Amino acid sequence: MMIWTVELAAFLDDAPWPAKRDELLEYADRIGAPYEVIQNLSELEDAEEPYESIEDIWPDYPSEEDFFYNLDDDDY
């Protein structure tokens, strides 16, 4: 069962998007991503079409707006 956190997903920020599962696995291994990232990626469907972004893998991936939704303009 895949369990993503922001910290784990961050290892894929610089991944070579779009990418197929095997390419993502190779990338994660090359950068020394934690076991949990490798495990999550290995559970992905090996689809014919490449994954376009982390949102294709983790639809609930928080956007920058999610992190700052509570802040007023004065807080910047």
PDB file of N, CA and C in Angstrom:
ATOM      1  N   MET A   1       0.839  -1.180   0.000  1.00  0.00           N
ATOM      2  CA  MET A   1       0.000   0.000   0.000  1.00  0.00           C
ATOM      3  C   MET A   1       0.884   1.243   0.000  1.00  0.00           C
ATOM      4  N   MET A   2       0.661   2.114  -0.966  1.00  0.00           N
ATOM      5  CA  MET A   2       1.468   3.322  -1.071  1.00  0.00           C
ATOM      6  C   MET A   2       1.044   4.347  -0.026  1.00  0.00           C
ATOM      7  N   ILE A   3       2.031   4.866   0.666  1.00  0.00           N
ATOM      8  CA  ILE A   3       1.798   5.953   1.609  1.00  0.00           C
ATOM      9  C   ILE A   3       2.790   7.050   1.274  1.00  0.00           C
ATOM     10  N   TRP A   4       2.249   8.172   0.817  1.00  0.00           N
ATOM     11  CA  TRP A   4       3.093   9.314   0.456  1.00  0.00           C
ATOM     12  C   TRP A   4       3.001  10.377   1.530  1.00  0.00           C
ATOM     13  N   THR A   5       4.096  11.040   1.757  1.00  0.00           N
ATOM     14  CA  THR A   5       4.140  12.236   2.587  1.00  0.00           C
ATOM     15  C   THR A   5       4.808  13.316   1.745  1.00  0.00           C
ATOM     16  N   VAL A   6       4.692  14.542   2.171  1.00  0.00           N
ATOM     17  CA  VAL A   6       5.350  15.632   1.444  1.00  0.00           C
ATOM     18  C   VAL A   6       6.858  15.385   1.406  1.00  0.00           C
ATOM     19  N   GLU A   7       7.409  14.880   2.509  1.00  0.00           N
ATOM     20  CA  GLU A   7       8.847  14.642   2.574  1.00  0.00           C
ATOM     21  C   GLU A   7       9.278  13.576   1.570  1.00  0.00           C
ATOM     22  N   LEU A   8       8.488  12.509   1.444  1.00  0.00           N
ATOM     23  CA  LEU A   8       8.833  11.457   0.487  1.00  0.00           C
ATOM     24  C   LEU A   8       8.656  11.944  -0.943  1.00  0.00           C
ATOM     25  N   ALA A   9       7.562  12.627  -1.209  1.00  0.00           N
ATOM     26  CA  ALA A   9       7.293  13.120  -2.556  1.00  0.00           C
ATOM     27  C   ALA A   9       8.351  14.121  -3.005  1.00  0.00           C
ATOM     28  N   ALA A  10       8.939  14.841  -2.061  1.00  0.00           N
ATOM     29  CA  ALA A  10       9.952  15.844  -2.394  1.00  0.00           C
ATOM     30  C   ALA A  10      11.152  15.230  -3.106  1.00  0.00           C
ATOM     31  N   PHE A  11      11.400  13.946  -2.888  1.00  0.00           N
ATOM     32  CA  PHE A  11      12.517  13.291  -3.577  1.00  0.00           C
ATOM     33  C   PHE A  11      12.283  13.213  -5.077  1.00  0.00           C
ATOM     34  N   LEU A  12      11.035  13.398  -5.507  1.00  0.00           N
ATOM     35  CA  LEU A  12      10.716  13.332  -6.937  1.00  0.00           C
ATOM     36  C   LEU A  12      10.559  14.699  -7.569  1.00  0.00           C
ATOM     37  N   ASP A  13      10.829  15.750  -6.823  1.00  0.00           N
ATOM     38  CA  ASP A  13      10.691  17.111  -7.354  1.00  0.00           C
ATOM     39  C   ASP A  13      11.489  17.318  -8.636  1.00  0.00           C
ATOM     40  N   ASP A  14      12.687  16.792  -8.690  1.00  0.00           N
ATOM     41  CA  ASP A  14      13.560  16.996  -9.842  1.00  0.00           C
ATOM     42  C   ASP A  14      13.610  15.780 -10.768  1.00  0.00           C
ATOM     43  N   ALA A  15      12.634  14.891 -10.621  1.00  0.00           N
ATOM     44  CA  ALA A  15      12.581  13.705 -11.482  1.00  0.00           C
ATOM     45  C   ALA A  15      12.403  14.131 -12.935  1.00  0.00           C
ATOM     46  N   PRO A  16      12.808  13.288 -13.859  1.00  0.00           N
ATOM     47  CA  PRO A  16      12.730  13.631 -15.289  1.00  0.00           C
ATOM     48  C   PRO A  16      11.312  13.473 -15.843  1.00  0.00           C
ATOM     49  N   TRP A  17      10.400  14.323 -15.384  1.00  0.00           N
ATOM     50  CA  TRP A  17       9.004  14.250 -15.845  1.00  0.00           C
ATOM     51  C   TRP A  17       8.901  14.654 -17.296  1.00  0.00           C
ATOM     52  N   PRO A  18       8.025  14.087 -18.083  1.00  0.00           N
ATOM     53  CA  PRO A  18       7.239  12.882 -17.822  1.00  0.00           C
ATOM     54  C   PRO A  18       8.151  11.650 -17.800  1.00  0.00           C
ATOM     55  N   ALA A  19       7.727  10.647 -17.027  1.00  0.00           N
ATOM     56  CA  ALA A  19       8.566   9.463 -16.868  1.00  0.00           C
ATOM     57  C   ALA A  19       7.705   8.231 -16.615  1.00  0.00           C
ATOM     58  N   LYS A  20       8.208   7.117 -17.085  1.00  0.00           N
ATOM     59  CA  LYS A  20       7.556   5.835 -16.810  1.00  0.00           C
ATOM     60  C   LYS A  20       8.022   5.331 -15.450  1.00  0.00           C
ATOM     61  N   ARG A  21       7.320   4.328 -14.942  1.00  0.00           N
ATOM     62  CA  ARG A  21       7.625   3.784 -13.618  1.00  0.00           C
ATOM     63  C   ARG A  21       9.093   3.379 -13.503  1.00  0.00           C
ATOM     64  N   ASP A  22       9.610   2.658 -14.491  1.00  0.00           N
ATOM     65  CA  ASP A  22      10.998   2.189 -14.408  1.00  0.00           C
ATOM     66  C   ASP A  22      11.982   3.350 -14.384  1.00  0.00           C
ATOM     67  N   GLU A  23      11.677   4.408 -15.113  1.00  0.00           N
ATOM     68  CA  GLU A  23      12.538   5.591 -15.111  1.00  0.00           C
ATOM     69  C   GLU A  23      12.523   6.265 -13.740  1.00  0.00           C
ATOM     70  N   LEU A  24      11.348   6.321 -13.131  1.00  0.00           N
ATOM     71  CA  LEU A  24      11.248   6.914 -11.789  1.00  0.00           C
ATOM     72  C   LEU A  24      11.984   6.070 -10.759  1.00  0.00           C
ATOM     73  N   LEU A  25      11.868   4.755 -10.884  1.00  0.00           N
ATOM     74  CA  LEU A  25      12.595   3.865  -9.971  1.00  0.00           C
ATOM     75  C   LEU A  25      14.100   4.045 -10.112  1.00  0.00           C
ATOM     76  N   GLU A  26      14.569   4.127 -11.346  1.00  0.00           N
ATOM     77  CA  GLU A  26      16.001   4.327 -11.603  1.00  0.00           C
ATOM     78  C   GLU A  26      16.467   5.668 -11.029  1.00  0.00           C
ATOM     79  N   TYR A  27      15.673   6.703 -11.243  1.00  0.00           N
ATOM     80  CA  TYR A  27      16.008   8.031 -10.729  1.00  0.00           C
ATOM     81  C   TYR A  27      16.079   8.010  -9.202  1.00  0.00           C
ATOM     82  N   ALA A  28      15.061   7.433  -8.563  1.00  0.00           N
ATOM     83  CA  ALA A  28      15.024   7.390  -7.099  1.00  0.00           C
ATOM     84  C   ALA A  28      16.218   6.626  -6.538  1.00  0.00           C
ATOM     85  N   ASP A  29      16.570   5.535  -7.193  1.00  0.00           N
ATOM     86  CA  ASP A  29      17.727   4.757  -6.763  1.00  0.00           C
ATOM     87  C   ASP A  29      19.011   5.565  -6.929  1.00  0.00           C
ATOM     88  N   ARG A  30      19.133   6.263  -8.040  1.00  0.00           N
ATOM     89  CA  ARG A  30      20.341   7.047  -8.338  1.00  0.00           C
ATOM     90  C   ARG A  30      20.554   8.176  -7.334  1.00  0.00           C
ATOM     91  N   ILE A  31      19.458   8.813  -6.888  1.00  0.00           N
ATOM     92  CA  ILE A  31      19.628   9.928  -5.955  1.00  0.00           C
ATOM     93  C   ILE A  31      19.661   9.484  -4.495  1.00  0.00           C
ATOM     94  N   GLY A  32      19.506   8.181  -4.258  1.00  0.00           N
ATOM     95  CA  GLY A  32      19.562   7.675  -2.891  1.00  0.00           C
ATOM     96  C   GLY A  32      18.293   7.946  -2.103  1.00  0.00           C
ATOM     97  N   ALA A  33      17.144   7.909  -2.782  1.00  0.00           N
ATOM     98  CA  ALA A  33      15.864   8.117  -2.097  1.00  0.00           C
ATOM     99  C   ALA A  33      15.634   7.007  -1.078  1.00  0.00           C
ATOM    100  N   PRO A  34      14.893   7.304  -0.019  1.00  0.00           N
ATOM    101  CA  PRO A  34      14.626   6.293   1.006  1.00  0.00           C
ATOM    102  C   PRO A  34      13.864   5.084   0.451  1.00  0.00           C
ATOM    103  N   TYR A  35      13.954   3.999   1.182  1.00  0.00           N
ATOM    104  CA  TYR A  35      13.285   2.756   0.810  1.00  0.00           C
ATOM    105  C   TYR A  35      11.800   2.977   0.538  1.00  0.00           C
ATOM    106  N   GLU A  36      11.152   3.813   1.326  1.00  0.00           N
ATOM    107  CA  GLU A  36       9.707   4.045   1.183  1.00  0.00           C
ATOM    108  C   GLU A  36       9.362   4.615  -0.192  1.00  0.00           C
ATOM    109  N   VAL A  37      10.208   5.484  -0.728  1.00  0.00           N
ATOM    110  CA  VAL A  37       9.980   6.055  -2.060  1.00  0.00           C
ATOM    111  C   VAL A  37      10.106   4.951  -3.111  1.00  0.00           C
ATOM    112  N   ILE A  38      11.153   4.146  -3.010  1.00  0.00           N
ATOM    113  CA  ILE A  38      11.368   3.034  -3.940  1.00  0.00           C
ATOM    114  C   ILE A  38      10.187   2.067  -3.874  1.00  0.00           C
ATOM    115  N   GLN A  39       9.749   1.746  -2.669  1.00  0.00           N
ATOM    116  CA  GLN A  39       8.626   0.826  -2.484  1.00  0.00           C
ATOM    117  C   GLN A  39       7.350   1.386  -3.107  1.00  0.00           C
ATOM    118  N   ASN A  40       7.066   2.658  -2.858  1.00  0.00           N
ATOM    119  CA  ASN A  40       5.869   3.282  -3.434  1.00  0.00           C
ATOM    120  C   ASN A  40       5.917   3.247  -4.962  1.00  0.00           C
ATOM    121  N   LEU A  41       7.055   3.592  -5.512  1.00  0.00           N
ATOM    122  CA  LEU A  41       7.184   3.604  -6.968  1.00  0.00           C
ATOM    123  C   LEU A  41       7.042   2.200  -7.552  1.00  0.00           C
ATOM    124  N   SER A  42       7.560   1.203  -6.854  1.00  0.00           N
ATOM    125  CA  SER A  42       7.472  -0.171  -7.372  1.00  0.00           C
ATOM    126  C   SER A  42       6.031  -0.666  -7.382  1.00  0.00           C
ATOM    127  N   GLU A  43       5.161  -0.053  -6.586  1.00  0.00           N
ATOM    128  CA  GLU A  43       3.754  -0.443  -6.550  1.00  0.00           C
ATOM    129  C   GLU A  43       2.916   0.252  -7.624  1.00  0.00           C
ATOM    130  N   LEU A  44       3.517   1.195  -8.346  1.00  0.00           N
ATOM    131  CA  LEU A  44       2.789   1.879  -9.411  1.00  0.00           C
ATOM    132  C   LEU A  44       2.498   0.923 -10.554  1.00  0.00           C
ATOM    133  N   GLU A  45       1.416   1.206 -11.259  1.00  0.00           N
ATOM    134  CA  GLU A  45       1.105   0.455 -12.466  1.00  0.00           C
ATOM    135  C   GLU A  45       2.146   0.795 -13.523  1.00  0.00           C
ATOM    136  N   ASP A  46       2.613  -0.211 -14.220  1.00  0.00           N
ATOM    137  CA  ASP A  46       3.578   0.005 -15.299  1.00  0.00           C
ATOM    138  C   ASP A  46       2.803   0.332 -16.561  1.00  0.00           C
ATOM    139  N   ALA A  47       2.270   1.550 -16.610  1.00  0.00           N
ATOM    140  CA  ALA A  47       1.396   1.984 -17.700  1.00  0.00           C
ATOM    141  C   ALA A  47       2.202   2.273 -18.962  1.00  0.00           C
ATOM    142  N   GLU A  48       1.509   2.239 -20.083  1.00  0.00           N
ATOM    143  CA  GLU A  48       2.167   2.564 -21.350  1.00  0.00           C
ATOM    144  C   GLU A  48       2.489   4.045 -21.447  1.00  0.00           C
ATOM    145  N   GLU A  49       1.595   4.866 -20.933  1.00  0.00           N
ATOM    146  CA  GLU A  49       1.799   6.314 -20.948  1.00  0.00           C
ATOM    147  C   GLU A  49       2.639   6.721 -19.739  1.00  0.00           C
ATOM    148  N   PRO A  50       3.560   7.641 -19.921  1.00  0.00           N
ATOM    149  CA  PRO A  50       4.371   8.089 -18.768  1.00  0.00           C
ATOM    150  C   PRO A  50       3.537   8.922 -17.803  1.00  0.00           C
ATOM    151  N   TYR A  51       3.999   8.950 -16.566  1.00  0.00           N
ATOM    152  CA  TYR A  51       3.410   9.822 -15.557  1.00  0.00           C
ATOM    153  C   TYR A  51       3.913  11.231 -15.828  1.00  0.00           C
ATOM    154  N   GLU A  52       3.006  12.189 -15.845  1.00  0.00           N
ATOM    155  CA  GLU A  52       3.359  13.565 -16.192  1.00  0.00           C
ATOM    156  C   GLU A  52       3.960  14.342 -15.028  1.00  0.00           C
ATOM    157  N   SER A  53       3.557  13.982 -13.795  1.00  0.00           N
ATOM    158  CA  SER A  53       4.025  14.714 -12.619  1.00  0.00           C
ATOM    159  C   SER A  53       3.689  13.917 -11.362  1.00  0.00           C
ATOM    160  N   ILE A  54       4.117  14.429 -10.239  1.00  0.00           N
ATOM    161  CA  ILE A  54       3.817  13.767  -8.964  1.00  0.00           C
ATOM    162  C   ILE A  54       2.307  13.679  -8.745  1.00  0.00           C
ATOM    163  N   GLU A  55       1.543  14.615  -9.289  1.00  0.00           N
ATOM    164  CA  GLU A  55       0.093  14.579  -9.129  1.00  0.00           C
ATOM    165  C   GLU A  55      -0.529  13.359  -9.797  1.00  0.00           C
ATOM    166  N   ASP A  56       0.113  12.817 -10.825  1.00  0.00           N
ATOM    167  CA  ASP A  56      -0.367  11.579 -11.452  1.00  0.00           C
ATOM    168  C   ASP A  56      -0.170  10.387 -10.526  1.00  0.00           C
ATOM    169  N   ILE A  57       0.830  10.474  -9.668  1.00  0.00           N
ATOM    170  CA  ILE A  57       1.143   9.383  -8.750  1.00  0.00           C
ATOM    171  C   ILE A  57       0.393   9.553  -7.430  1.00  0.00           C
ATOM    172  N   TRP A  58       0.358  10.788  -6.945  1.00  0.00           N
ATOM    173  CA  TRP A  58      -0.280  11.105  -5.665  1.00  0.00           C
ATOM    174  C   TRP A  58      -1.257  12.259  -5.920  1.00  0.00           C
ATOM    175  N   PRO A  59      -2.508  11.936  -6.277  1.00  0.00           N
ATOM    176  CA  PRO A  59      -3.479  12.984  -6.631  1.00  0.00           C
ATOM    177  C   PRO A  59      -3.714  14.018  -5.529  1.00  0.00           C
ATOM    178  N   ASP A  60      -3.469  13.659  -4.290  1.00  0.00           N
ATOM    179  CA  ASP A  60      -3.679  14.588  -3.174  1.00  0.00           C
ATOM    180  C   ASP A  60      -2.435  15.398  -2.842  1.00  0.00           C
ATOM    181  N   TYR A  61      -1.452  15.379  -3.730  1.00  0.00           N
ATOM    182  CA  TYR A  61      -0.215  16.122  -3.486  1.00  0.00           C
ATOM    183  C   TYR A  61      -0.549  17.589  -3.219  1.00  0.00           C
ATOM    184  N   PRO A  62      -0.115  18.106  -2.077  1.00  0.00           N
ATOM    185  CA  PRO A  62      -0.444  19.501  -1.748  1.00  0.00           C
ATOM    186  C   PRO A  62       0.312  20.485  -2.637  1.00  0.00           C
ATOM    187  N   SER A  63      -0.394  21.454  -3.119  1.00  0.00           N
ATOM    188  CA  SER A  63       0.235  22.489  -3.937  1.00  0.00           C
ATOM    189  C   SER A  63       0.780  23.580  -3.024  1.00  0.00           C
ATOM    190  N   GLU A  64       1.534  24.489  -3.601  1.00  0.00           N
ATOM    191  CA  GLU A  64       2.059  25.618  -2.830  1.00  0.00           C
ATOM    192  C   GLU A  64       0.925  26.396  -2.179  1.00  0.00           C
ATOM    193  N   GLU A  65      -0.178  26.516  -2.884  1.00  0.00           N
ATOM    194  CA  GLU A  65      -1.328  27.240  -2.344  1.00  0.00           C
ATOM    195  C   GLU A  65      -1.846  26.591  -1.072  1.00  0.00           C
ATOM    196  N   ASP A  66      -1.771  25.252  -0.985  1.00  0.00           N
ATOM    197  CA  ASP A  66      -2.233  24.555   0.213  1.00  0.00           C
ATOM    198  C   ASP A  66      -1.403  24.925   1.437  1.00  0.00           C
ATOM    199  N   PHE A  67      -0.127  25.207   1.233  1.00  0.00           N
ATOM    200  CA  PHE A  67       0.743  25.539   2.351  1.00  0.00           C
ATOM    201  C   PHE A  67       0.506  26.958   2.865  1.00  0.00           C
ATOM    202  N   PHE A  68       0.036  27.826   2.004  1.00  0.00           N
ATOM    203  CA  PHE A  68      -0.068  29.231   2.352  1.00  0.00           C
ATOM    204  C   PHE A  68      -1.500  29.750   2.416  1.00  0.00           C
ATOM    205  N   TYR A  69      -2.475  28.872   2.426  1.00  0.00           N
ATOM    206  CA  TYR A  69      -3.866  29.322   2.354  1.00  0.00           C
ATOM    207  C   TYR A  69      -4.299  30.138   3.558  1.00  0.00           C
ATOM    208  N   ASN A  70      -3.642  29.994   4.680  1.00  0.00           N
ATOM    209  CA  ASN A  70      -4.023  30.694   5.903  1.00  0.00           C
ATOM    210  C   ASN A  70      -3.352  32.062   6.056  1.00  0.00           C
ATOM    211  N   LEU A  71      -2.369  32.335   5.262  1.00  0.00           N
ATOM    212  CA  LEU A  71      -1.583  33.548   5.444  1.00  0.00           C
ATOM    213  C   LEU A  71      -2.244  34.742   4.765  1.00  0.00           C
ATOM    214  N   ASP A  72      -2.191  35.867   5.425  1.00  0.00           N
ATOM    215  CA  ASP A  72      -2.637  37.133   4.810  1.00  0.00           C
ATOM    216  C   ASP A  72      -1.491  37.678   3.983  1.00  0.00           C
ATOM    217  N   ASP A  73      -1.788  38.602   3.114  1.00  0.00           N
ATOM    218  CA  ASP A  73      -0.736  39.208   2.297  1.00  0.00           C
ATOM    219  C   ASP A  73       0.317  39.879   3.169  1.00  0.00           C
ATOM    220  N   ASP A  74      -0.064  40.342   4.349  1.00  0.00           N
ATOM    221  CA  ASP A  74       0.873  41.009   5.249  1.00  0.00           C
ATOM    222  C   ASP A  74       1.896  40.050   5.837  1.00  0.00           C
ATOM    223  N   ASP A  75       1.621  38.748   5.779  1.00  0.00           N
ATOM    224  CA  ASP A  75       2.506  37.758   6.380  1.00  0.00           C
ATOM    225  C   ASP A  75       3.720  37.459   5.516  1.00  0.00           C
ATOM    226  N   TYR A  76       3.761  37.923   4.285  1.00  0.00           N
ATOM    227  CA  TYR A  76       4.893  37.630   3.407  1.00  0.00           C
ATOM    228  C   TYR A  76       5.996  38.538   3.707  1.00  0.00           C
TER     229      TYR A  76
END
